Amino acid sequence: MAILVTGGTGKTGTRLAQLLLAAGHSVYVTTRSVGKVQSPLKGVKFDWLDSSTKDAPFKAAAANNEQIEAVYLVGPPIADMASVLNPFIDLAIEKGVTRFVLLSASQVTKGQPPMGVVQEYLDTLKVDYCTLRPSWFHENFLVPHNFRPLVNEDQIVSAAEDGRIPWISSDDIADAAFNALTSEQIEERDLLVVGPELLTYEQIAAMFTEVLGRKISFKRVSQEGMSQHLLQHEFHPGVTEMLSALDLIVATGGEEAIYKLESKYVGKRTLLDFIRANKEAWIR
C-alpha cells in the first residue's frame, strides 16, 4: 500500500515513515527540501502554504504507477489550519485516498481550532479517519524555546505552575499513527495518546539536574510572560497565544484529567530515558 506522510521530516513523521517502510509499504513523504529524504523513501517537494504544490504527492505516485490510499496529516503552525488542510483532503479523496490520520493535541477537541476544525470536517466525510491527540512531546526539550534556556540559563520556562503532564515520546506517537494507518479497521476515531507517567516541571528540572550534573531550575512565568517567551523564540503570534493558554490548562489539572481517562493509548518510553539518551544536546 502507498501511504503519504506529510510533515515527513518532522518529529513524528520521520519515525512513522521508517515504521511503514519496514512493514513493506511504499512511502511518500512531503518536505520543502527533497534532499533531506533518502531512498527508498520517496520525497515530494510540498508546502502547505503554496497551493501550487498540493497535487505533487499524487503526481509522484502516478508516475510510479501507484495510488496513495492513506495519508498522515500534520498541518502547518497557523491558526486557520483548516483553510489549507480541508481543500487538500478533498483533493486526496478525489485521487482515491480512503483513510486519514490527523495529528492534533490532547486539549484540542473536535470543532476547536486549529486541528479540531479539520477533525470536524473529516467527520462529515465518508472516509476512515483517526485523530491522534498526544500530550506534550519529550522532543519539545530540543526545540529553541526550551533548549536555549536549558543550555544558556539552566532554566525551564513555563506558566504551567505545578500542573502534571503525561509527557509522550514521538516514537510512541509514531507507533499509534502506524497502527491507525495500517490496521484493518480503525477502532477509535478520537484517540488520546499519553506517556506512562505524570510529571511536574519541578520534577523535570530535578531530572535534568541529575543527568546533566548542574542545577536546573523551573522558572515560573505568567501566561503573558510565556507568550513573550515564545515570541522571542520565533513562534507565530497566533500560536504563542494558544500554547501559553495550554500552560494554564496544565496548571489547573487539564492534562492530569486526560491521563486519568480510561480510553487512551499509553506509550512505553519515559522522559527520564529520553533525557539520558540525549544528554549531550544540553551539555555546554
C-alpha atoms as a PDB file:
ATOM      1  CA  MET A   1       0.000   0.000   0.000  1.00  0.00           C
ATOM      2  CA  ALA A   2       1.235   3.513  -0.831  1.00  0.00           C
ATOM      3  CA  ILE A   3       0.996   5.910   2.104  1.00  0.00           C
ATOM      4  CA  LEU A   4       1.666   9.647   2.226  1.00  0.00           C
ATOM      5  CA  VAL A   5       3.309  11.136   5.308  1.00  0.00           C
ATOM      6  CA  THR A   6       3.017  14.922   5.450  1.00  0.00           C
ATOM      7  CA  GLY A   7       5.496  16.577   7.743  1.00  0.00           C
ATOM      8  CA  GLY A   8       7.742  13.725   6.694  1.00  0.00           C
ATOM      9  CA  THR A   9      10.918  15.261   8.126  1.00  0.00           C
ATOM     10  CA  GLY A  10       9.298  16.274  11.433  1.00  0.00           C
ATOM     11  CA  LYS A  11       9.373  14.667  14.875  1.00  0.00           C
ATOM     12  CA  THR A  12       6.682  12.059  14.312  1.00  0.00           C
ATOM     13  CA  GLY A  13       6.813  11.892  10.508  1.00  0.00           C
ATOM     14  CA  THR A  14      10.426  10.688  10.316  1.00  0.00           C
ATOM     15  CA  ARG A  15       9.751   7.879  12.762  1.00  0.00           C
ATOM     16  CA  LEU A  16       6.443   6.888  11.177  1.00  0.00           C
ATOM     17  CA  ALA A  17       7.957   6.761   7.690  1.00  0.00           C
ATOM     18  CA  GLN A  18      10.594   4.279   8.849  1.00  0.00           C
ATOM     19  CA  LEU A  19       7.980   2.074  10.537  1.00  0.00           C
ATOM     20  CA  LEU A  20       5.879   1.996   7.357  1.00  0.00           C
ATOM     21  CA  LEU A  21       8.914   1.287   5.210  1.00  0.00           C
ATOM     22  CA  ALA A  22       9.984  -1.596   7.449  1.00  0.00           C
ATOM     23  CA  ALA A  23       6.485  -3.063   7.122  1.00  0.00           C
ATOM     24  CA  GLY A  24       6.802  -3.130   3.345  1.00  0.00           C
ATOM     25  CA  HIS A  25       4.743  -0.106   2.380  1.00  0.00           C
ATOM     26  CA  SER A  26       5.576   2.365  -0.372  1.00  0.00           C
ATOM     27  CA  VAL A  27       6.091   5.646   1.493  1.00  0.00           C
ATOM     28  CA  TYR A  28       5.864   9.173   0.111  1.00  0.00           C
ATOM     29  CA  VAL A  29       6.995  11.962   2.419  1.00  0.00           C
ATOM     30  CA  THR A  30       6.420  15.676   1.923  1.00  0.00           C
ATOM     31  CA  THR A  31       9.130  18.205   2.587  1.00  0.00           C
ATOM     32  CA  ARG A  32      10.203  21.642   1.457  1.00  0.00           C
ATOM     33  CA  SER A  33      13.694  20.215   0.890  1.00  0.00           C
ATOM     34  CA  VAL A  34      13.611  16.931  -1.032  1.00  0.00           C
ATOM     35  CA  GLY A  35      17.328  16.462  -0.471  1.00  0.00           C
ATOM     36  CA  LYS A  36      16.598  15.555   3.159  1.00  0.00           C
ATOM     37  CA  VAL A  37      14.744  12.407   2.080  1.00  0.00           C
ATOM     38  CA  GLN A  38      16.761   9.284   1.411  1.00  0.00           C
ATOM     39  CA  SER A  39      15.739   6.330  -0.762  1.00  0.00           C
ATOM     40  CA  PRO A  40      13.790   4.063  -0.569  1.00  0.00           C
ATOM     41  CA  LEU A  41      11.544   6.773   0.890  1.00  0.00           C
ATOM     42  CA  LYS A  42      10.066   8.902  -1.885  1.00  0.00           C
ATOM     43  CA  GLY A  43      10.447  12.604  -1.187  1.00  0.00           C
ATOM     44  CA  VAL A  44       7.944  15.075  -2.609  1.00  0.00           C
ATOM     45  CA  LYS A  45       8.500  18.838  -2.571  1.00  0.00           C
ATOM     46  CA  PHE A  46       5.458  20.267  -0.819  1.00  0.00           C
ATOM     47  CA  ASP A  47       4.461  23.341   1.140  1.00  0.00           C
ATOM     48  CA  TRP A  48       1.064  23.677   2.817  1.00  0.00           C
ATOM     49  CA  LEU A  49       1.113  27.414   2.157  1.00  0.00           C
ATOM     50  CA  ASP A  50       1.911  27.041  -1.560  1.00  0.00           C
ATOM     51  CA  SER A  51      -1.238  25.816  -3.330  1.00  0.00           C
ATOM     52  CA  SER A  52       0.748  25.011  -6.484  1.00  0.00           C
ATOM     53  CA  THR A  53       2.299  22.021  -4.678  1.00  0.00           C
ATOM     54  CA  LYS A  54      -0.909  20.482  -3.327  1.00  0.00           C
ATOM     55  CA  ASP A  55      -1.206  17.784  -6.014  1.00  0.00           C
ATOM     56  CA  ALA A  56       2.536  16.985  -6.114  1.00  0.00           C
ATOM     57  CA  PRO A  57       2.265  13.812  -3.963  1.00  0.00           C
ATOM     58  CA  PHE A  58      -0.405  12.319  -6.209  1.00  0.00           C
ATOM     59  CA  LYS A  59       1.520  13.166  -9.378  1.00  0.00           C
ATOM     60  CA  ALA A  60       4.598  11.499  -7.896  1.00  0.00           C
ATOM     61  CA  ALA A  61       2.635   8.347  -7.066  1.00  0.00           C
ATOM     62  CA  ALA A  62       1.029   8.226 -10.515  1.00  0.00           C
ATOM     63  CA  ALA A  63       4.475   8.484 -12.111  1.00  0.00           C
ATOM     64  CA  ASN A  64       5.365   5.272 -10.249  1.00  0.00           C
ATOM     65  CA  ASN A  65       2.066   3.600 -11.232  1.00  0.00           C
ATOM     66  CA  GLU A  66       0.920   3.771  -7.604  1.00  0.00           C
ATOM     67  CA  GLN A  67      -2.099   5.204  -5.819  1.00  0.00           C
ATOM     68  CA  ILE A  68      -1.892   6.738  -2.379  1.00  0.00           C
ATOM     69  CA  GLU A  69      -4.519   5.114  -0.175  1.00  0.00           C
ATOM     70  CA  ALA A  70      -3.806   6.645   3.229  1.00  0.00           C
ATOM     71  CA  VAL A  71      -2.455   9.983   4.458  1.00  0.00           C
ATOM     72  CA  TYR A  72      -0.865  11.118   7.716  1.00  0.00           C
ATOM     73  CA  LEU A  73      -1.835  14.768   8.192  1.00  0.00           C
ATOM     74  CA  VAL A  74       0.466  17.162  10.046  1.00  0.00           C
ATOM     75  CA  GLY A  75      -0.710  20.723   9.463  1.00  0.00           C
ATOM     76  CA  PRO A  76       1.354  23.913   9.365  1.00  0.00           C
ATOM     77  CA  PRO A  77       1.732  26.053  12.525  1.00  0.00           C
ATOM     78  CA  ILE A  78      -1.036  28.505  11.659  1.00  0.00           C
ATOM     79  CA  ALA A  79      -4.264  29.366  13.456  1.00  0.00           C
ATOM     80  CA  ASP A  80      -6.534  28.705  10.446  1.00  0.00           C
ATOM     81  CA  MET A  81      -5.216  25.226   9.662  1.00  0.00           C
ATOM     82  CA  ALA A  82      -8.494  24.091   8.090  1.00  0.00           C
ATOM     83  CA  SER A  83      -8.129  26.637   5.293  1.00  0.00           C
ATOM     84  CA  VAL A  84      -5.272  24.617   3.819  1.00  0.00           C
ATOM     85  CA  LEU A  85      -5.944  21.079   5.093  1.00  0.00           C
ATOM     86  CA  ASN A  86      -9.607  20.783   4.134  1.00  0.00           C
ATOM     87  CA  PRO A  87      -9.084  21.534   0.399  1.00  0.00           C
ATOM     88  CA  PHE A  88      -6.164  19.070   0.400  1.00  0.00           C
ATOM     89  CA  ILE A  89      -8.377  16.412   1.969  1.00  0.00           C
ATOM     90  CA  ASP A  90     -10.951  16.980  -0.784  1.00  0.00           C
ATOM     91  CA  LEU A  91      -8.273  16.556  -3.442  1.00  0.00           C
ATOM     92  CA  ALA A  92      -6.888  13.437  -1.748  1.00  0.00           C
ATOM     93  CA  ILE A  93     -10.336  11.817  -1.751  1.00  0.00           C
ATOM     94  CA  GLU A  94     -10.674  12.630  -5.465  1.00  0.00           C
ATOM     95  CA  LYS A  95      -7.343  10.861  -6.006  1.00  0.00           C
ATOM     96  CA  GLY A  96      -8.509   7.715  -4.192  1.00  0.00           C
ATOM     97  CA  VAL A  97      -7.420   8.193  -0.578  1.00  0.00           C
ATOM     98  CA  THR A  98      -9.746   6.359   1.804  1.00  0.00           C
ATOM     99  CA  ARG A  99      -8.059   6.828   5.190  1.00  0.00           C
ATOM    100  CA  PHE A 100      -6.629   9.803   7.055  1.00  0.00           C
ATOM    101  CA  VAL A 101      -4.781  10.038  10.359  1.00  0.00           C
ATOM    102  CA  LEU A 102      -4.676  13.596  11.724  1.00  0.00           C
ATOM    103  CA  LEU A 103      -2.119  14.727  14.292  1.00  0.00           C
ATOM    104  CA  SER A 104      -3.844  17.006  16.790  1.00  0.00           C
ATOM    105  CA  ALA A 105      -3.251  17.681  20.504  1.00  0.00           C
ATOM    106  CA  SER A 106      -4.660  16.385  23.768  1.00  0.00           C
ATOM    107  CA  GLN A 107      -6.542  19.557  24.690  1.00  0.00           C
ATOM    108  CA  VAL A 108      -7.914  20.267  21.201  1.00  0.00           C
ATOM    109  CA  THR A 109     -11.348  18.671  20.845  1.00  0.00           C
ATOM    110  CA  LYS A 110     -13.449  18.281  17.700  1.00  0.00           C
ATOM    111  CA  GLY A 111     -14.513  21.672  16.374  1.00  0.00           C
ATOM    112  CA  GLN A 112     -11.815  23.657  18.186  1.00  0.00           C
ATOM    113  CA  PRO A 113      -9.113  25.475  16.204  1.00  0.00           C
ATOM    114  CA  PRO A 114      -6.738  24.739  14.796  1.00  0.00           C
ATOM    115  CA  MET A 115      -6.742  20.933  14.369  1.00  0.00           C
ATOM    116  CA  GLY A 116     -10.192  20.248  15.781  1.00  0.00           C
ATOM    117  CA  VAL A 117     -11.817  22.136  12.908  1.00  0.00           C
ATOM    118  CA  VAL A 118     -10.118  19.735  10.498  1.00  0.00           C
ATOM    119  CA  GLN A 119     -11.278  16.803  12.623  1.00  0.00           C
ATOM    120  CA  GLU A 120     -14.828  18.091  12.447  1.00  0.00           C
ATOM    121  CA  TYR A 121     -14.576  18.282   8.652  1.00  0.00           C
ATOM    122  CA  LEU A 122     -13.246  14.728   8.402  1.00  0.00           C
ATOM    123  CA  ASP A 123     -16.202  13.597  10.474  1.00  0.00           C
ATOM    124  CA  THR A 124     -18.578  14.814   7.748  1.00  0.00           C
ATOM    125  CA  LEU A 125     -16.868  12.754   5.032  1.00  0.00           C
ATOM    126  CA  LYS A 126     -17.338   9.114   4.098  1.00  0.00           C
ATOM    127  CA  VAL A 127     -13.766   8.094   4.865  1.00  0.00           C
ATOM    128  CA  ASP A 128     -11.973   6.191   7.590  1.00  0.00           C
ATOM    129  CA  TYR A 129     -10.103   8.570   9.840  1.00  0.00           C
ATOM    130  CA  CYS A 130      -8.445   8.799  13.225  1.00  0.00           C
ATOM    131  CA  THR A 131      -7.414  11.892  15.119  1.00  0.00           C
ATOM    132  CA  LEU A 132      -4.393  11.369  17.357  1.00  0.00           C
ATOM    133  CA  ARG A 133      -4.375  13.711  20.356  1.00  0.00           C
ATOM    134  CA  PRO A 134      -0.991  13.382  22.033  1.00  0.00           C
ATOM    135  CA  SER A 135       0.098  15.110  25.202  1.00  0.00           C
ATOM    136  CA  TRP A 136       3.315  17.128  25.260  1.00  0.00           C
ATOM    137  CA  PHE A 137       6.326  15.710  23.380  1.00  0.00           C
ATOM    138  CA  HIS A 138       9.610  14.659  25.006  1.00  0.00           C
ATOM    139  CA  GLU A 139      11.284  16.227  21.973  1.00  0.00           C
ATOM    140  CA  ASN A 140       9.955  19.676  22.959  1.00  0.00           C
ATOM    141  CA  PHE A 141      13.049  19.962  25.143  1.00  0.00           C
ATOM    142  CA  LEU A 142      15.154  20.025  21.967  1.00  0.00           C
ATOM    143  CA  VAL A 143      13.315  22.939  20.321  1.00  0.00           C
ATOM    144  CA  PRO A 144      14.529  26.534  20.845  1.00  0.00           C
ATOM    145  CA  HIS A 145      12.051  27.840  23.446  1.00  0.00           C
ATOM    146  CA  ASN A 146      13.026  25.021  25.817  1.00  0.00           C
ATOM    147  CA  PHE A 147      16.505  24.161  24.552  1.00  0.00           C
ATOM    148  CA  ARG A 148      18.074  27.623  24.716  1.00  0.00           C
ATOM    149  CA  PRO A 149      17.059  28.422  28.321  1.00  0.00           C
ATOM    150  CA  LEU A 150      18.244  24.977  29.391  1.00  0.00           C
ATOM    151  CA  VAL A 151      21.680  25.417  27.832  1.00  0.00           C
ATOM    152  CA  ASN A 152      22.223  29.138  28.320  1.00  0.00           C
ATOM    153  CA  GLU A 153      20.389  29.882  31.577  1.00  0.00           C
ATOM    154  CA  ASP A 154      19.949  26.492  33.309  1.00  0.00           C
ATOM    155  CA  GLN A 155      16.202  27.060  33.298  1.00  0.00           C
ATOM    156  CA  ILE A 156      12.932  25.554  32.112  1.00  0.00           C
ATOM    157  CA  VAL A 157      10.331  28.272  31.471  1.00  0.00           C
ATOM    158  CA  SER A 158       6.592  27.660  31.762  1.00  0.00           C
ATOM    159  CA  ALA A 159       3.289  29.069  33.015  1.00  0.00           C
ATOM    160  CA  ALA A 160       2.105  25.581  33.992  1.00  0.00           C
ATOM    161  CA  GLU A 161       2.741  26.075  37.725  1.00  0.00           C
ATOM    162  CA  ASP A 162       2.553  22.673  39.497  1.00  0.00           C
ATOM    163  CA  GLY A 163       0.362  21.030  36.880  1.00  0.00           C
ATOM    164  CA  ARG A 164       1.300  17.500  35.860  1.00  0.00           C
ATOM    165  CA  ILE A 165       1.770  16.366  32.264  1.00  0.00           C
ATOM    166  CA  PRO A 166       1.905  12.789  30.849  1.00  0.00           C
ATOM    167  CA  TRP A 167       4.873  13.520  28.545  1.00  0.00           C
ATOM    168  CA  ILE A 168       4.896  11.353  25.416  1.00  0.00           C
ATOM    169  CA  SER A 169       7.683  10.216  23.080  1.00  0.00           C
ATOM    170  CA  SER A 170       7.477  10.897  19.339  1.00  0.00           C
ATOM    171  CA  ASP A 171       8.313   7.225  18.900  1.00  0.00           C
ATOM    172  CA  ASP A 172       5.175   6.256  20.811  1.00  0.00           C
ATOM    173  CA  ILE A 173       3.097   8.686  18.745  1.00  0.00           C
ATOM    174  CA  ALA A 174       4.553   7.152  15.582  1.00  0.00           C
ATOM    175  CA  ASP A 175       3.574   3.698  16.856  1.00  0.00           C
ATOM    176  CA  ALA A 176      -0.011   4.875  17.359  1.00  0.00           C
ATOM    177  CA  ALA A 177      -0.063   6.504  13.912  1.00  0.00           C
ATOM    178  CA  PHE A 178       1.290   3.333  12.298  1.00  0.00           C
ATOM    179  CA  ASN A 179      -1.480   1.277  13.900  1.00  0.00           C
ATOM    180  CA  ALA A 180      -4.148   3.733  12.758  1.00  0.00           C
ATOM    181  CA  LEU A 181      -2.849   3.847   9.176  1.00  0.00           C
ATOM    182  CA  THR A 182      -2.355   0.123   8.684  1.00  0.00           C
ATOM    183  CA  SER A 183      -4.917  -1.685  10.835  1.00  0.00           C
ATOM    184  CA  GLU A 184      -7.768  -3.433   9.070  1.00  0.00           C
ATOM    185  CA  GLN A 185     -10.258  -1.245  10.885  1.00  0.00           C
ATOM    186  CA  ILE A 186      -9.953   1.960  12.915  1.00  0.00           C
ATOM    187  CA  GLU A 187     -11.333   1.254  16.368  1.00  0.00           C
ATOM    188  CA  GLU A 188     -11.152   4.770  17.814  1.00  0.00           C
ATOM    189  CA  ARG A 189     -11.612   7.947  15.763  1.00  0.00           C
ATOM    190  CA  ASP A 190     -10.563  10.263  18.599  1.00  0.00           C
ATOM    191  CA  LEU A 191      -7.533   8.750  20.322  1.00  0.00           C
ATOM    192  CA  LEU A 192      -5.715  10.340  23.244  1.00  0.00           C
ATOM    193  CA  VAL A 193      -2.007   9.459  23.293  1.00  0.00           C
ATOM    194  CA  VAL A 194      -0.203   9.870  26.627  1.00  0.00           C
ATOM    195  CA  GLY A 195       3.040   8.862  28.261  1.00  0.00           C
ATOM    196  CA  PRO A 196       3.390   6.366  31.115  1.00  0.00           C
ATOM    197  CA  GLU A 197       3.729   8.898  33.955  1.00  0.00           C
ATOM    198  CA  LEU A 198       2.644  12.327  35.168  1.00  0.00           C
ATOM    199  CA  LEU A 199       5.364  14.890  35.854  1.00  0.00           C
ATOM    200  CA  THR A 200       5.561  18.496  37.075  1.00  0.00           C
ATOM    201  CA  TYR A 201       8.173  20.906  35.735  1.00  0.00           C
ATOM    202  CA  GLU A 202       9.841  20.873  39.151  1.00  0.00           C
ATOM    203  CA  GLN A 203      10.286  17.102  38.809  1.00  0.00           C
ATOM    204  CA  ILE A 204      11.592  17.509  35.265  1.00  0.00           C
ATOM    205  CA  ALA A 205      14.082  20.173  36.382  1.00  0.00           C
ATOM    206  CA  ALA A 206      15.318  17.702  39.017  1.00  0.00           C
ATOM    207  CA  MET A 207      15.772  15.043  36.304  1.00  0.00           C
ATOM    208  CA  PHE A 208      17.856  17.415  34.192  1.00  0.00           C
ATOM    209  CA  THR A 209      19.879  18.372  37.287  1.00  0.00           C
ATOM    210  CA  GLU A 210      20.641  14.703  37.966  1.00  0.00           C
ATOM    211  CA  VAL A 211      21.557  13.804  34.385  1.00  0.00           C
ATOM    212  CA  LEU A 212      23.500  16.955  33.447  1.00  0.00           C
ATOM    213  CA  GLY A 213      25.289  17.354  36.763  1.00  0.00           C
ATOM    214  CA  ARG A 214      24.402  21.037  37.143  1.00  0.00           C
ATOM    215  CA  LYS A 215      21.461  22.783  38.802  1.00  0.00           C
ATOM    216  CA  ILE A 216      18.480  23.267  36.503  1.00  0.00           C
ATOM    217  CA  SER A 217      15.643  25.445  37.829  1.00  0.00           C
ATOM    218  CA  PHE A 218      11.995  25.822  36.897  1.00  0.00           C
ATOM    219  CA  LYS A 219      11.206  29.472  36.091  1.00  0.00           C
ATOM    220  CA  ARG A 220       7.535  30.211  36.725  1.00  0.00           C
ATOM    221  CA  VAL A 221       6.011  32.879  34.483  1.00  0.00           C
ATOM    222  CA  SER A 222       2.524  34.250  33.799  1.00  0.00           C
ATOM    223  CA  GLN A 223       0.548  33.435  30.654  1.00  0.00           C
ATOM    224  CA  GLU A 224       1.593  36.797  29.216  1.00  0.00           C
ATOM    225  CA  GLY A 225       5.180  36.093  30.173  1.00  0.00           C
ATOM    226  CA  MET A 226       5.026  32.737  28.412  1.00  0.00           C
ATOM    227  CA  SER A 227       3.620  34.352  25.273  1.00  0.00           C
ATOM    228  CA  GLN A 228       6.506  36.806  25.245  1.00  0.00           C
ATOM    229  CA  HIS A 229       8.972  33.987  25.799  1.00  0.00           C
ATOM    230  CA  LEU A 230       7.580  32.077  22.800  1.00  0.00           C
ATOM    231  CA  LEU A 231       7.615  35.179  20.601  1.00  0.00           C
ATOM    232  CA  GLN A 232      11.309  35.617  21.377  1.00  0.00           C
ATOM    233  CA  HIS A 233      11.867  32.145  20.002  1.00  0.00           C
ATOM    234  CA  GLU A 234      10.215  32.744  16.642  1.00  0.00           C
ATOM    235  CA  PHE A 235       6.737  31.324  17.206  1.00  0.00           C
ATOM    236  CA  HIS A 236       3.860  32.750  15.147  1.00  0.00           C
ATOM    237  CA  PRO A 237       1.817  35.210  17.302  1.00  0.00           C
ATOM    238  CA  GLY A 238      -1.407  33.195  16.973  1.00  0.00           C
ATOM    239  CA  VAL A 239       0.400  30.038  18.028  1.00  0.00           C
ATOM    240  CA  THR A 240       2.022  31.696  21.056  1.00  0.00           C
ATOM    241  CA  GLU A 241      -1.390  32.608  22.449  1.00  0.00           C
ATOM    242  CA  MET A 242      -2.644  29.043  22.037  1.00  0.00           C
ATOM    243  CA  LEU A 243       0.443  27.482  23.617  1.00  0.00           C
ATOM    244  CA  SER A 244       0.527  29.838  26.580  1.00  0.00           C
ATOM    245  CA  ALA A 245      -3.183  29.161  27.157  1.00  0.00           C
ATOM    246  CA  LEU A 246      -2.406  25.444  27.180  1.00  0.00           C
ATOM    247  CA  ASP A 247       0.025  26.073  30.039  1.00  0.00           C
ATOM    248  CA  LEU A 248      -2.864  27.412  32.096  1.00  0.00           C
ATOM    249  CA  ILE A 249      -4.888  24.301  31.296  1.00  0.00           C
ATOM    250  CA  VAL A 250      -1.996  22.244  32.636  1.00  0.00           C
ATOM    251  CA  ALA A 251      -1.828  24.425  35.748  1.00  0.00           C
ATOM    252  CA  THR A 252      -5.473  23.714  36.532  1.00  0.00           C
ATOM    253  CA  GLY A 253      -5.165  19.950  36.070  1.00  0.00           C
ATOM    254  CA  GLY A 254      -6.272  19.598  32.456  1.00  0.00           C
ATOM    255  CA  GLU A 255      -3.520  17.216  31.349  1.00  0.00           C
ATOM    256  CA  GLU A 256      -3.788  15.165  34.524  1.00  0.00           C
ATOM    257  CA  ALA A 257      -7.516  14.714  33.839  1.00  0.00           C
ATOM    258  CA  ILE A 258      -6.707  13.477  30.310  1.00  0.00           C
ATOM    259  CA  TYR A 259      -4.275  10.929  31.743  1.00  0.00           C
ATOM    260  CA  LYS A 260      -6.921   9.548  34.099  1.00  0.00           C
ATOM    261  CA  LEU A 261      -9.444   8.817  31.345  1.00  0.00           C
ATOM    262  CA  GLU A 262      -9.882   5.121  30.613  1.00  0.00           C
ATOM    263  CA  SER A 263      -9.931   5.329  26.799  1.00  0.00           C
ATOM    264  CA  LYS A 264      -6.405   6.245  25.666  1.00  0.00           C
ATOM    265  CA  TYR A 265      -3.183   4.949  24.113  1.00  0.00           C
ATOM    266  CA  VAL A 266      -0.381   4.802  26.683  1.00  0.00           C
ATOM    267  CA  GLY A 267       3.201   4.944  25.457  1.00  0.00           C
ATOM    268  CA  LYS A 268       6.057   2.990  26.997  1.00  0.00           C
ATOM    269  CA  ARG A 269       9.000   5.383  26.804  1.00  0.00           C
ATOM    270  CA  THR A 270       9.836   7.624  29.801  1.00  0.00           C
ATOM    271  CA  LEU A 271      11.035  11.219  29.808  1.00  0.00           C
ATOM    272  CA  LEU A 272      13.996  10.339  32.037  1.00  0.00           C
ATOM    273  CA  ASP A 273      15.208   7.797  29.486  1.00  0.00           C
ATOM    274  CA  PHE A 274      14.863  10.460  26.780  1.00  0.00           C
ATOM    275  CA  ILE A 275      16.929  12.952  28.792  1.00  0.00           C
ATOM    276  CA  ARG A 276      19.624  10.356  29.398  1.00  0.00           C
ATOM    277  CA  ALA A 277      19.713   9.336  25.722  1.00  0.00           C
ATOM    278  CA  ASN A 278      20.052  12.962  24.578  1.00  0.00           C
ATOM    279  CA  LYS A 279      22.282  14.228  27.374  1.00  0.00           C
ATOM    280  CA  GLU A 280      24.943  15.579  25.012  1.00  0.00           C
ATOM    281  CA  ALA A 281      22.454  18.008  23.460  1.00  0.00           C
ATOM    282  CA  TRP A 282      22.293  20.097  26.640  1.00  0.00           C
ATOM    283  CA  ILE A 283      25.986  19.957  27.555  1.00  0.00           C
ATOM    284  CA  ARG A 284      27.587  23.369  27.253  1.00  0.00           C
END
